[in-house]
Amino acid sequence: GDMQELYAPLIERDLEAIPAAIRAFRREQTSDELWHAVAQFAILAFAPSQHAKHALLAVLAAHDLREEAGERWDELLTECARYAAQSRQPWSEPPILDAPPIEARQRGDLDELRAAVSDRDRLRAERWLAFRLESPNVLRDMATVATEDLSDFGHKLIITSAASRLSEILGDKGRYAVLRTAVWEIVAYRGDETMEQRSLPKLVARCVEEHGSIESAHAVFLFDARETMQVGAASAIPTGRGAHAYALARDYGQYLKAQAVAGRLRVRHPDAALDEFVEACRYNLEHAPSFEEWSFA
């Protein structure tokens, strides 16, 4: 059960063959090693398309929910693998794992990253990242630039926060590849949306009122991303409900992410109605139109 056998159906997008490949991998490897393998694939398959970024976020949520999922964690990881495979653009370029060469005149300041965003110049941003990779403030600077544009539900900051956490879990070896996902998201589009910072109980109440609408749920995810970048991720309080597997493309993995985010936010925000928030996202999963057919080529 080596990585190549596991990755073959993922690369070919042979969704039916993925569960058997995972079972074969698990005969010789642990569930934790399976998570690492699926996470690495989601990082390599990343593109700033909706499904690909949500697949990456779902993999992180699955890690947060590993104790909650218990013996059914493999099932959840199987759905994460299917989602990452589905979301990979079939015409996508082979993934770049290595940082680009750094030129002698390379700048590493905030305005250099901002200039890359203005020009939507991914390579320029990747060179900035390569130059800054070992810097203790690189994530803070990425978050600063990400926060300057909260269009697309604040995904620039949400992905930066996720990349920061993934790089902690995965360690130094894949640090460039992980942080590159955030840099790519940051330069992929330009908007000028900012959002007023509202209290978590208000954001949660709105989401409950809107039955877990994508926009209202993402306001909560953005709150969590912002707090994580400022003070670090809290260790989640499990609910003991169990995190169940489902076809994540249906709701961009929102219900899965809601459970993980609620587990973390409960620690610092006991006054927010987080059980109702999770329930609203479950309602959205069951009743809203599915995104499964959207933007899969």
Protein backbone atom coordinates (compact mmCIF):
# COMPACT_ATOMS: atom_id res chain seq x y z
CA GLY A 1 0.00 0.00 0.00
CA ASP A 2 2.46 2.67 -1.04
CA MET A 3 1.77 6.28 -1.98
CA GLN A 4 1.87 5.72 -5.74
CA GLU A 5 -0.84 3.08 -5.57
CA LEU A 6 -2.91 5.39 -3.38
CA TYR A 7 -2.39 8.40 -5.67
CA ALA A 8 -3.06 6.61 -8.98
CA PRO A 9 -6.90 6.73 -8.77
CA LEU A 10 -6.75 10.25 -7.27
CA ILE A 11 -4.71 11.54 -10.21
CA GLU A 12 -6.95 9.72 -12.70
CA ARG A 13 -10.05 11.02 -10.87
CA ASP A 14 -11.33 7.44 -10.67
CA LEU A 15 -13.64 8.12 -7.74
CA GLU A 16 -15.01 4.58 -7.61
CA ALA A 17 -11.51 3.12 -7.14
CA ILE A 18 -10.50 5.41 -4.26
CA PRO A 19 -12.07 3.47 -1.34
CA ALA A 20 -10.28 0.24 -2.31
CA ALA A 21 -6.97 2.10 -2.76
CA ILE A 22 -7.40 3.58 0.72
CA ARG A 23 -8.15 0.17 2.25
CA ALA A 24 -5.01 -1.23 0.60
CA PHE A 25 -2.92 1.69 1.90
CA ARG A 26 -4.33 1.19 5.41
CA ARG A 27 -3.28 -2.45 5.54
CA GLU A 28 0.30 -1.25 5.98
CA GLN A 29 -0.06 2.33 7.20
CA THR A 30 -1.88 4.11 10.01
CA SER A 31 -4.88 6.43 9.69
CA ASP A 32 -2.57 9.28 10.60
CA GLU A 33 -0.29 8.41 7.66
CA LEU A 34 -3.39 8.27 5.48
CA TRP A 35 -4.33 11.79 6.59
CA HIS A 36 -0.82 13.02 5.72
CA ALA A 37 -1.03 11.42 2.27
CA VAL A 38 -4.47 12.92 1.54
CA ALA A 39 -3.33 16.33 2.85
CA GLN A 40 -0.28 16.28 0.58
CA PHE A 41 -2.48 15.42 -2.40
CA ALA A 42 -4.92 18.26 -1.59
CA ILE A 43 -1.96 20.68 -1.38
CA LEU A 44 -0.61 19.47 -4.74
CA ALA A 45 -4.06 19.62 -6.35
CA PHE A 46 -4.74 23.10 -4.98
CA ALA A 47 -5.93 25.84 -7.30
CA PRO A 48 -7.90 28.96 -6.40
CA SER A 49 -11.11 27.34 -7.70
CA GLN A 50 -13.94 26.97 -5.21
CA HIS A 51 -13.91 23.18 -4.99
CA ALA A 52 -10.11 22.84 -4.78
CA LYS A 53 -9.78 25.32 -1.95
CA HIS A 54 -12.69 23.78 -0.05
CA ALA A 55 -11.10 20.33 -0.48
CA LEU A 56 -7.97 21.67 1.24
CA LEU A 57 -10.06 23.20 4.04
CA ALA A 58 -12.02 19.94 4.43
CA VAL A 59 -8.78 17.99 4.94
CA LEU A 60 -7.80 20.35 7.78
CA ALA A 61 -11.30 20.08 9.29
CA ALA A 62 -11.02 16.28 9.15
CA HIS A 63 -7.78 16.51 11.15
CA ASP A 64 -9.53 18.64 13.78
CA LEU A 65 -12.32 16.05 14.00
CA ARG A 66 -10.19 12.90 14.18
CA GLU A 67 -11.17 12.12 17.78
CA GLU A 68 -14.78 13.00 17.14
CA ALA A 69 -14.88 10.66 14.16
CA GLY A 70 -13.34 7.78 16.11
CA GLU A 71 -13.37 4.54 14.14
CA ARG A 72 -15.05 6.28 11.22
CA TRP A 73 -12.13 8.62 10.56
CA ASP A 74 -11.01 6.57 7.55
CA GLU A 75 -14.47 7.05 6.03
CA LEU A 76 -14.17 10.79 6.46
CA LEU A 77 -10.67 10.76 4.94
CA THR A 78 -11.99 8.73 2.01
CA GLU A 79 -14.51 11.52 1.31
CA CYS A 80 -11.72 14.11 1.61
CA ALA A 81 -9.64 12.11 -0.91
CA ARG A 82 -12.58 11.86 -3.31
CA TYR A 83 -13.24 15.58 -3.02
CA ALA A 84 -9.58 16.51 -3.63
CA ALA A 85 -9.47 14.17 -6.65
CA GLN A 86 -12.72 15.60 -8.03
CA SER A 87 -11.59 19.17 -7.58
CA ARG A 88 -8.25 18.81 -9.32
CA GLN A 89 -8.39 20.55 -12.70
CA PRO A 90 -7.81 17.79 -15.27
CA TRP A 91 -5.68 20.09 -17.40
CA SER A 92 -3.68 21.38 -14.45
CA GLU A 93 0.04 21.83 -14.67
CA PRO A 94 2.19 19.38 -12.70
CA PRO A 95 2.53 20.65 -9.14
CA ILE A 96 5.56 22.71 -8.24
CA LEU A 97 7.05 21.50 -4.98
CA ASP A 98 10.25 23.48 -4.99
CA ALA A 99 10.61 27.16 -4.41
CA PRO A 100 11.66 29.20 -7.46
CA PRO A 101 15.25 30.48 -7.52
CA ILE A 102 15.73 33.73 -5.66
CA GLU A 103 17.35 36.58 -7.56
CA ALA A 104 19.98 38.80 -6.01
CA ARG A 105 17.65 41.81 -6.03
CA GLN A 106 14.68 39.97 -4.54
CA ARG A 107 12.53 42.06 -2.21
CA GLY A 108 10.72 40.58 0.78
CA ASP A 109 8.70 43.55 2.03
CA LEU A 110 4.92 43.88 2.24
CA ASP A 111 4.73 46.22 -0.76
CA GLU A 112 6.41 43.60 -2.94
CA LEU A 113 3.62 41.12 -2.11
CA ARG A 114 1.03 43.87 -2.66
CA ALA A 115 2.57 44.62 -6.08
CA ALA A 116 2.29 40.93 -7.01
CA VAL A 117 -1.42 41.09 -6.05
CA SER A 118 -1.94 44.23 -8.16
CA ASP A 119 -0.42 42.52 -11.18
CA ARG A 120 -1.98 39.14 -10.30
CA ASP A 121 1.55 37.82 -10.80
CA ARG A 122 1.75 34.43 -9.13
CA LEU A 123 5.42 33.84 -9.90
CA ARG A 124 6.41 37.17 -8.38
CA ALA A 125 4.48 36.25 -5.22
CA GLU A 126 6.10 32.80 -5.14
CA ARG A 127 9.56 34.37 -5.33
CA TRP A 128 8.56 36.67 -2.45
CA LEU A 129 7.54 33.59 -0.46
CA ALA A 130 10.75 31.72 -1.30
CA PHE A 131 12.76 34.71 -0.06
CA ARG A 132 10.71 35.04 3.14
CA LEU A 133 10.13 31.34 3.90
CA GLU A 134 12.42 31.17 6.94
CA SER A 135 11.30 34.53 8.31
CA PRO A 136 9.37 34.36 11.61
CA ASN A 137 6.94 37.04 10.34
CA VAL A 138 6.11 35.59 6.93
CA LEU A 139 2.63 34.41 7.96
CA ARG A 140 1.83 37.66 9.73
CA ASP A 141 2.72 39.56 6.55
CA MET A 142 0.65 37.22 4.37
CA ALA A 143 -2.30 37.71 6.76
CA THR A 144 -1.88 41.49 6.59
CA VAL A 145 -2.15 41.49 2.80
CA ALA A 146 -4.93 38.87 2.83
CA THR A 147 -7.00 40.99 5.23
CA GLU A 148 -6.82 43.96 2.84
CA ASP A 149 -9.21 42.11 0.47
CA LEU A 150 -12.03 40.09 1.99
CA SER A 151 -13.88 39.46 -1.28
CA ASP A 152 -14.95 35.88 -2.04
CA PHE A 153 -16.14 35.41 1.58
CA GLY A 154 -12.69 36.27 2.93
CA HIS A 155 -10.99 33.21 1.44
CA LYS A 156 -7.61 34.92 1.18
CA LEU A 157 -7.46 35.06 4.97
CA ILE A 158 -9.27 31.73 5.48
CA ILE A 159 -6.73 29.90 3.27
CA THR A 160 -3.80 31.75 4.87
CA SER A 161 -4.98 30.67 8.31
CA ALA A 162 -5.46 27.07 7.09
CA ALA A 163 -2.02 27.03 5.45
CA SER A 164 -0.47 28.31 8.67
CA ARG A 165 -2.07 25.45 10.64
CA LEU A 166 -1.29 22.82 7.99
CA SER A 167 2.36 23.84 7.94
CA GLU A 168 2.49 23.33 11.72
CA ILE A 169 1.01 19.84 11.42
CA LEU A 170 3.05 18.80 8.38
CA GLY A 171 6.34 20.28 9.59
CA ASP A 172 9.16 21.94 7.67
CA LYS A 173 9.51 19.48 4.83
CA GLY A 174 6.50 20.68 2.87
CA ARG A 175 6.44 24.24 4.17
CA TYR A 176 6.92 25.97 0.82
CA ALA A 177 4.25 23.85 -0.92
CA VAL A 178 1.73 24.52 1.88
CA LEU A 179 2.30 28.27 2.13
CA ARG A 180 2.27 28.56 -1.64
CA THR A 181 -1.44 27.64 -1.58
CA ALA A 182 -2.13 30.79 0.44
CA VAL A 183 0.09 32.98 -1.73
CA TRP A 184 -1.66 31.67 -4.83
CA GLU A 185 -5.08 32.44 -3.34
CA ILE A 186 -3.92 35.93 -2.32
CA VAL A 187 -2.83 36.85 -5.86
CA ALA A 188 -5.57 34.98 -7.75
CA TYR A 189 -8.17 37.75 -7.77
CA ARG A 190 -8.67 41.33 -6.71
CA GLY A 191 -11.58 42.81 -4.89
CA ASP A 192 -11.77 45.57 -2.36
CA GLU A 193 -14.24 44.18 0.12
CA THR A 194 -13.67 44.76 3.78
CA MET A 195 -16.05 43.57 6.46
CA GLU A 196 -16.97 45.18 9.70
CA GLN A 197 -15.83 43.02 12.60
CA ARG A 198 -18.96 41.83 14.35
CA SER A 199 -19.21 39.77 17.50
CA LEU A 200 -19.31 36.01 17.12
CA PRO A 201 -22.75 35.62 18.79
CA LYS A 202 -24.21 38.02 16.17
CA LEU A 203 -22.53 36.21 13.26
CA VAL A 204 -23.76 32.86 14.57
CA ALA A 205 -27.31 34.20 15.13
CA ARG A 206 -27.40 35.42 11.52
CA CYS A 207 -26.26 32.03 10.23
CA VAL A 208 -28.95 30.26 12.29
CA GLU A 209 -31.55 32.71 10.98
CA GLU A 210 -30.40 32.03 7.39
CA HIS A 211 -30.47 28.24 7.85
CA GLY A 212 -26.74 27.89 7.27
CA SER A 213 -26.48 29.95 4.07
CA ILE A 214 -23.01 29.82 2.50
CA GLU A 215 -22.43 33.53 3.03
CA SER A 216 -23.46 33.62 6.70
CA ALA A 217 -21.49 30.45 7.54
CA HIS A 218 -18.39 31.89 5.88
CA ALA A 219 -18.63 35.00 8.05
CA VAL A 220 -18.14 32.63 11.02
CA PHE A 221 -15.28 30.82 9.24
CA LEU A 222 -13.65 34.19 8.59
CA PHE A 223 -14.01 35.15 12.25
CA ASP A 224 -12.27 31.89 13.17
CA ALA A 225 -9.48 32.46 10.62
CA ARG A 226 -8.87 35.98 11.90
CA GLU A 227 -8.77 34.83 15.53
CA THR A 228 -6.46 31.92 14.64
CA MET A 229 -4.00 34.27 12.92
CA GLN A 230 -4.08 36.64 15.91
CA VAL A 231 -3.95 34.28 18.88
CA GLY A 232 -3.42 30.78 17.50
CA ALA A 233 -5.88 27.91 17.16
CA ALA A 234 -7.52 26.71 20.35
CA SER A 235 -7.65 22.96 20.86
CA ALA A 236 -11.22 21.95 20.13
CA ILE A 237 -13.83 20.83 22.63
CA PRO A 238 -15.33 17.62 21.21
CA THR A 239 -19.11 17.23 21.36
CA GLY A 240 -19.09 13.45 21.22
CA ARG A 241 -21.54 13.58 18.31
CA GLY A 242 -19.18 11.99 15.82
CA ALA A 243 -18.23 13.62 12.52
CA HIS A 244 -20.00 11.76 9.76
CA ALA A 245 -18.74 11.35 6.20
CA TYR A 246 -20.76 12.60 3.24
CA ALA A 247 -20.13 13.75 -0.33
CA LEU A 248 -18.32 16.97 0.56
CA ALA A 249 -18.86 18.67 -2.80
CA ARG A 250 -22.57 18.98 -1.97
CA ASP A 251 -21.98 22.00 0.28
CA TYR A 252 -18.27 22.75 -0.31
CA GLY A 253 -17.56 20.77 2.87
CA GLN A 254 -19.35 23.46 4.89
CA TYR A 255 -21.04 21.15 7.43
CA LEU A 256 -17.74 19.35 8.08
CA LYS A 257 -15.89 22.65 8.54
CA ALA A 258 -18.67 24.02 10.77
CA GLN A 259 -18.19 21.13 13.21
CA ALA A 260 -14.42 21.68 13.37
CA VAL A 261 -14.69 25.47 13.69
CA ALA A 262 -17.41 25.25 16.35
CA GLY A 263 -15.26 22.86 18.38
CA ARG A 264 -12.46 25.45 18.41
CA LEU A 265 -14.59 28.54 18.96
CA ARG A 266 -16.44 26.98 21.94
CA VAL A 267 -13.24 27.27 23.97
CA ARG A 268 -13.12 31.07 23.85
CA HIS A 269 -16.76 31.91 23.08
CA PRO A 270 -19.10 29.98 25.37
CA ASP A 271 -21.76 32.67 24.80
CA ALA A 272 -22.17 31.93 21.06
CA ALA A 273 -24.90 29.45 20.02
CA LEU A 274 -22.44 27.13 18.28
CA ASP A 275 -24.56 23.96 18.49
CA GLU A 276 -27.32 25.82 16.64
CA PHE A 277 -24.72 27.04 14.11
CA VAL A 278 -23.64 23.46 13.35
CA GLU A 279 -27.29 22.41 13.12
CA ALA A 280 -28.00 25.25 10.66
CA CYS A 281 -25.14 24.07 8.46
CA ARG A 282 -26.55 20.53 8.58
CA TYR A 283 -29.93 21.92 7.51
CA ASN A 284 -28.21 23.72 4.61
CA LEU A 285 -26.50 20.46 3.57
CA GLU A 286 -29.82 18.61 3.49
CA HIS A 287 -32.04 21.28 1.94
CA ALA A 288 -29.99 23.71 -0.17
CA PRO A 289 -29.14 23.04 -3.82
CA SER A 290 -26.05 20.89 -4.21
CA PHE A 291 -22.80 22.34 -5.55
CA GLU A 292 -21.69 18.87 -6.64
CA GLU A 293 -22.18 19.49 -10.35
CA TRP A 294 -20.73 22.98 -10.27
CA SER A 295 -17.41 23.69 -11.90
CA PHE A 296 -16.27 20.07 -12.12
CA ALA A 297 -15.03 19.66 -15.67
